[in-house]
């Protein structure tokens, strides 16, 4: 295991410049031909927050949380990692198909291709983070030093998306309906994860079920970072559980990749 990680680290440093350039180009091509260009990276998160604000604040007249946190701010902070995860996982799952020319013609570590898509999604996510910081300032709820934790939780969601996408990207060239199945699963996931509703709505005896969801760990972490909640070390058991699940998913993905790698050129 350690030899594999050392080899990956060595190869990643070797190809890092190429990966980063591919990620930048991928991010730019999202807005090629559009009049506002990169401004859409800010317009989209603002529009998303406005839609949810209208539905819950105006439509359902949702009241602030018990600690006084405005519901729209609490909701927006929870949506940020979810949208990042969805964008990163779905786009990374198509990485091998989209970069098939690298699979066929270039000596390149194909398992690094999902990193390109995750980094591209991360650039978009940074715009959402800026909107959240501005929203905090509007409501006068800036979290101060707690915000440092954001770097750790961003790394967590990137690691989870990469672990999952290594499996789905390997399977996608052979079973392209997987993308539709993922879309349905993510639609359910939004409502099954405590993002638009607080977990304390669930009886305490059943809350452990939702804590098994690794995305929930990151969502709660984002809220701790932006809203001044607990520190990372105060989530000892769930932190260990998150990294165990992520490591197991990564091992499953890499095992699947190794088995299917020799057949990619036949189906692309």
Protein backbone atom coordinates (compact mmCIF):
# COMPACT_ATOMS: atom_id res chain seq x y z
CA UNK A 1 0.00 0.00 0.00
CA UNK A 2 2.76 2.45 0.93
CA UNK A 3 4.67 1.61 -2.25
CA UNK A 4 1.53 2.32 -4.30
CA UNK A 5 1.03 5.70 -2.59
CA UNK A 6 4.69 6.62 -3.10
CA UNK A 7 4.44 5.72 -6.77
CA UNK A 8 1.26 7.77 -7.16
CA UNK A 9 2.82 10.78 -5.44
CA UNK A 10 5.88 10.56 -7.69
CA UNK A 11 3.81 10.28 -10.87
CA UNK A 12 1.42 13.00 -9.75
CA UNK A 13 4.30 15.44 -9.28
CA UNK A 14 5.55 14.45 -12.72
CA UNK A 15 2.23 15.12 -14.47
CA UNK A 16 0.99 17.92 -12.23
CA UNK A 17 1.63 20.75 -14.68
CA UNK A 18 -0.24 18.93 -17.41
CA UNK A 19 -3.14 18.12 -15.08
CA UNK A 20 -3.40 21.73 -13.92
CA UNK A 21 -3.34 23.08 -17.48
CA UNK A 22 -6.04 20.62 -18.55
CA UNK A 23 -8.15 21.70 -15.57
CA UNK A 24 -7.79 25.40 -16.46
CA UNK A 25 -8.72 24.72 -20.08
CA UNK A 26 -11.71 22.65 -18.99
CA UNK A 27 -12.92 25.49 -16.76
CA UNK A 28 -12.55 28.04 -19.54
CA UNK A 29 -14.40 25.93 -22.09
CA UNK A 30 -17.49 25.96 -19.86
CA UNK A 31 -18.04 29.58 -20.84
CA UNK A 32 -16.61 29.67 -24.37
CA UNK A 33 -18.89 31.69 -26.65
CA UNK A 34 -20.92 33.22 -23.81
CA UNK A 35 -21.16 36.99 -23.62
CA UNK A 36 -20.46 37.28 -19.88
CA UNK A 37 -17.71 34.65 -19.90
CA UNK A 38 -16.24 33.89 -16.46
CA UNK A 39 -18.81 36.15 -14.79
CA UNK A 40 -21.17 33.17 -15.04
CA UNK A 41 -19.10 31.48 -12.34
CA UNK A 42 -20.43 34.18 -9.96
CA UNK A 43 -23.88 34.61 -11.51
CA UNK A 44 -24.77 30.92 -11.18
CA UNK A 45 -24.23 30.58 -7.40
CA UNK A 46 -25.98 33.89 -6.76
CA UNK A 47 -28.97 32.77 -8.86
CA UNK A 48 -29.06 29.41 -7.05
CA UNK A 49 -29.10 31.05 -3.62
CA UNK A 50 -31.83 33.48 -4.74
CA UNK A 51 -34.04 30.62 -5.90
CA UNK A 52 -33.75 28.75 -2.61
CA UNK A 53 -34.15 31.99 -0.67
CA UNK A 54 -37.40 32.73 -2.51
CA UNK A 55 -38.77 29.20 -2.00
CA UNK A 56 -37.95 28.82 1.69
CA UNK A 57 -37.82 32.40 2.99
CA UNK A 58 -40.68 33.92 0.99
CA UNK A 59 -42.73 30.85 0.08
CA UNK A 60 -42.49 28.72 3.22
CA UNK A 61 -41.61 31.66 5.51
CA UNK A 62 -38.85 29.66 7.17
CA UNK A 63 -37.79 31.17 10.50
CA UNK A 64 -34.17 31.62 11.65
CA UNK A 65 -32.52 28.74 13.51
CA UNK A 66 -32.66 28.57 17.30
CA UNK A 67 -29.22 30.19 17.59
CA UNK A 68 -30.37 33.10 15.43
CA UNK A 69 -28.62 32.02 12.22
CA UNK A 70 -30.63 33.19 9.19
CA UNK A 71 -32.05 30.13 7.46
CA UNK A 72 -30.97 31.28 3.98
CA UNK A 73 -27.35 31.57 5.15
CA UNK A 74 -27.46 28.15 6.85
CA UNK A 75 -28.97 26.65 3.70
CA UNK A 76 -26.52 28.31 1.29
CA UNK A 77 -23.52 27.06 3.30
CA UNK A 78 -24.90 23.51 3.15
CA UNK A 79 -25.59 23.72 -0.57
CA UNK A 80 -22.04 24.82 -1.43
CA UNK A 81 -20.26 21.47 -0.78
CA UNK A 82 -23.20 19.52 -2.22
CA UNK A 83 -23.10 21.35 -5.55
CA UNK A 84 -19.32 21.04 -5.63
CA UNK A 85 -19.57 17.30 -4.97
CA UNK A 86 -22.23 16.79 -7.65
CA UNK A 87 -20.33 18.80 -10.25
CA UNK A 88 -16.99 17.16 -9.47
CA UNK A 89 -18.29 13.58 -9.35
CA UNK A 90 -20.49 13.72 -12.45
CA UNK A 91 -17.92 15.48 -14.62
CA UNK A 92 -15.04 13.32 -13.36
CA UNK A 93 -17.06 10.20 -14.17
CA UNK A 94 -16.91 11.20 -17.84
CA UNK A 95 -13.20 12.05 -17.78
CA UNK A 96 -11.96 8.88 -19.51
CA UNK A 97 -14.56 9.21 -22.28
CA UNK A 98 -13.90 12.93 -22.78
CA UNK A 99 -10.12 12.54 -22.83
CA UNK A 100 -10.12 9.36 -24.87
CA UNK A 101 -7.29 10.71 -27.03
CA UNK A 102 -5.02 10.53 -23.98
CA UNK A 103 -6.12 6.97 -23.33
CA UNK A 104 -5.30 5.86 -26.86
CA UNK A 105 -2.28 7.87 -27.95
CA UNK A 106 -0.35 9.35 -25.01
CA UNK A 107 1.69 7.69 -22.29
CA UNK A 108 -0.24 9.09 -19.35
CA UNK A 109 -1.52 7.80 -16.01
CA UNK A 110 -5.19 7.53 -16.97
CA UNK A 111 -6.31 7.29 -13.34
CA UNK A 112 -5.26 10.93 -12.94
CA UNK A 113 -7.86 12.16 -15.46
CA UNK A 114 -10.65 12.53 -12.85
CA UNK A 115 -8.37 14.97 -11.01
CA UNK A 116 -8.64 17.29 -14.01
CA UNK A 117 -12.42 17.46 -13.72
CA UNK A 118 -12.39 17.79 -9.93
CA UNK A 119 -9.97 20.73 -10.14
CA UNK A 120 -12.12 22.35 -12.82
CA UNK A 121 -15.17 22.00 -10.55
CA UNK A 122 -13.11 23.43 -7.68
CA UNK A 123 -12.46 26.64 -9.66
CA UNK A 124 -16.22 27.06 -9.99
CA UNK A 125 -16.67 26.26 -6.30
CA UNK A 126 -14.32 29.09 -5.32
CA UNK A 127 -16.81 31.55 -6.83
CA UNK A 128 -19.54 30.04 -4.64
CA UNK A 129 -17.28 30.44 -1.58
CA UNK A 130 -16.80 34.14 -2.37
CA UNK A 131 -20.58 34.56 -2.55
CA UNK A 132 -20.93 32.83 0.84
CA UNK A 133 -18.35 35.14 2.44
CA UNK A 134 -20.23 38.15 1.03
CA UNK A 135 -23.51 36.74 2.34
CA UNK A 136 -21.96 36.30 5.79
CA UNK A 137 -20.84 39.90 5.82
CA UNK A 138 -24.32 41.07 4.81
CA UNK A 139 -25.83 39.21 7.76
CA UNK A 140 -22.99 40.17 10.11
CA UNK A 141 -22.18 36.52 10.90
CA UNK A 142 -18.50 36.25 9.88
CA UNK A 143 -17.04 33.15 11.59
CA UNK A 144 -13.49 34.44 12.11
CA UNK A 145 -10.82 31.81 12.72
CA UNK A 146 -13.28 28.96 12.21
CA UNK A 147 -13.09 29.70 8.49
CA UNK A 148 -9.58 28.18 8.42
CA UNK A 149 -11.26 24.77 8.61
CA UNK A 150 -12.70 25.32 5.16
CA UNK A 151 -9.43 24.24 3.52
CA UNK A 152 -9.61 20.87 5.25
CA UNK A 153 -13.25 20.25 4.34
CA UNK A 154 -12.63 21.28 0.73
CA UNK A 155 -9.89 18.66 0.62
CA UNK A 156 -12.33 16.12 2.12
CA UNK A 157 -14.98 16.64 -0.54
CA UNK A 158 -12.36 16.51 -3.31
CA UNK A 159 -10.99 13.25 -1.92
CA UNK A 160 -14.47 11.73 -1.73
CA UNK A 161 -15.34 12.81 -5.28
CA UNK A 162 -12.05 11.36 -6.59
CA UNK A 163 -12.54 8.08 -4.75
CA UNK A 164 -16.02 7.63 -6.21
CA UNK A 165 -15.13 8.87 -9.70
CA UNK A 166 -12.22 6.45 -10.07
CA UNK A 167 -14.82 3.67 -9.97
CA UNK A 168 -17.54 5.38 -12.03
CA UNK A 169 -15.10 6.75 -14.63
CA UNK A 170 -13.74 3.22 -15.12
CA UNK A 171 -17.21 1.74 -15.59
CA UNK A 172 -18.70 4.57 -17.68
CA UNK A 173 -17.08 3.62 -21.04
CA UNK A 174 -18.70 0.16 -20.79
CA UNK A 175 -22.04 1.18 -19.24
CA UNK A 176 -22.96 4.72 -20.23
CA UNK A 177 -26.37 4.50 -18.61
CA UNK A 178 -24.49 4.89 -15.33
CA UNK A 179 -24.58 8.66 -15.81
CA UNK A 180 -28.40 8.64 -15.76
CA UNK A 181 -28.44 6.42 -12.68
CA UNK A 182 -26.03 8.79 -10.93
CA UNK A 183 -28.27 11.75 -11.76
CA UNK A 184 -31.28 10.06 -10.19
CA UNK A 185 -29.24 9.07 -7.15
CA UNK A 186 -27.98 12.62 -6.65
CA UNK A 187 -31.52 13.99 -6.83
CA UNK A 188 -32.49 11.67 -4.00
CA UNK A 189 -29.25 12.44 -2.18
CA UNK A 190 -30.01 16.16 -1.94
CA UNK A 191 -33.12 15.45 0.11
CA UNK A 192 -31.74 12.48 2.07
CA UNK A 193 -28.74 14.51 3.25
CA UNK A 194 -29.48 17.11 5.98
CA UNK A 195 -28.91 20.09 3.69
CA UNK A 196 -32.30 21.77 3.29
CA UNK A 197 -33.55 20.44 6.62
CA UNK A 198 -31.78 20.21 10.03
CA UNK A 199 -30.81 16.77 11.27
CA UNK A 200 -32.43 17.45 14.67
CA UNK A 201 -35.78 16.92 12.93
CA UNK A 202 -34.91 13.20 13.02
CA UNK A 203 -35.39 11.31 16.31
CA UNK A 204 -32.06 11.02 18.08
CA UNK A 205 -32.15 7.22 17.92
CA UNK A 206 -31.99 7.36 14.11
CA UNK A 207 -29.54 10.21 13.52
CA UNK A 208 -26.59 7.80 13.30
CA UNK A 209 -28.01 6.59 9.96
CA UNK A 210 -27.48 10.02 8.41
CA UNK A 211 -24.01 10.28 9.92
CA UNK A 212 -23.01 7.27 7.79
CA UNK A 213 -23.34 9.52 4.74
CA UNK A 214 -19.82 10.89 4.10
CA UNK A 215 -21.22 13.99 2.36
CA UNK A 216 -23.06 14.88 5.56
CA UNK A 217 -19.71 15.05 7.37
CA UNK A 218 -18.50 17.70 4.92
CA UNK A 219 -21.77 19.63 4.93
CA UNK A 220 -21.66 19.90 8.72
CA UNK A 221 -17.98 20.83 8.47
CA UNK A 222 -18.75 23.70 6.10
CA UNK A 223 -21.35 24.96 8.54
CA UNK A 224 -18.84 24.74 11.37
CA UNK A 225 -16.37 26.72 9.26
CA UNK A 226 -18.73 29.45 8.07
CA UNK A 227 -21.05 29.71 11.06
CA UNK A 228 -18.56 29.26 13.89
CA UNK A 229 -19.46 25.78 15.10
CA UNK A 230 -17.26 22.95 16.35
CA UNK A 231 -13.61 22.41 15.46
CA UNK A 232 -12.35 19.45 13.43
CA UNK A 233 -10.94 17.57 16.44
CA UNK A 234 -14.36 17.68 18.11
CA UNK A 235 -15.67 15.30 15.43
CA UNK A 236 -13.25 12.46 16.20
CA UNK A 237 -15.42 9.38 15.49
CA UNK A 238 -17.09 10.85 12.38
CA UNK A 239 -13.74 12.07 11.04
CA UNK A 240 -12.27 8.58 11.34
CA UNK A 241 -15.41 7.10 9.78
CA UNK A 242 -15.27 9.53 6.86
CA UNK A 243 -11.67 8.70 5.98
CA UNK A 244 -12.22 4.95 6.38
CA UNK A 245 -15.18 5.09 3.96
CA UNK A 246 -13.27 7.31 1.52
CA UNK A 247 -10.23 5.00 1.60
CA UNK A 248 -12.39 1.92 0.99
CA UNK A 249 -14.14 3.64 -1.93
CA UNK A 250 -10.74 4.63 -3.34
CA UNK A 251 -9.45 1.05 -3.10
CA UNK A 252 -12.60 -0.23 -4.79
CA UNK A 253 -12.21 2.35 -7.54
CA UNK A 254 -8.54 1.58 -8.13
CA UNK A 255 -9.20 -2.17 -8.18
CA UNK A 256 -11.95 -1.65 -10.76
CA UNK A 257 -9.72 0.63 -12.81
CA UNK A 258 -6.88 -1.94 -12.91
CA UNK A 259 -9.24 -4.66 -14.11
CA UNK A 260 -10.86 -2.55 -16.83
CA UNK A 261 -7.86 -0.46 -17.96
CA UNK A 262 -6.69 -2.94 -20.66
CA UNK A 263 -10.11 -2.79 -22.34
CA UNK A 264 -10.59 1.01 -22.55
CA UNK A 265 -9.18 1.32 -26.06
CA UNK A 266 -11.65 -1.30 -27.32
CA UNK A 267 -14.74 0.71 -26.36
CA UNK A 268 -13.60 4.31 -26.79
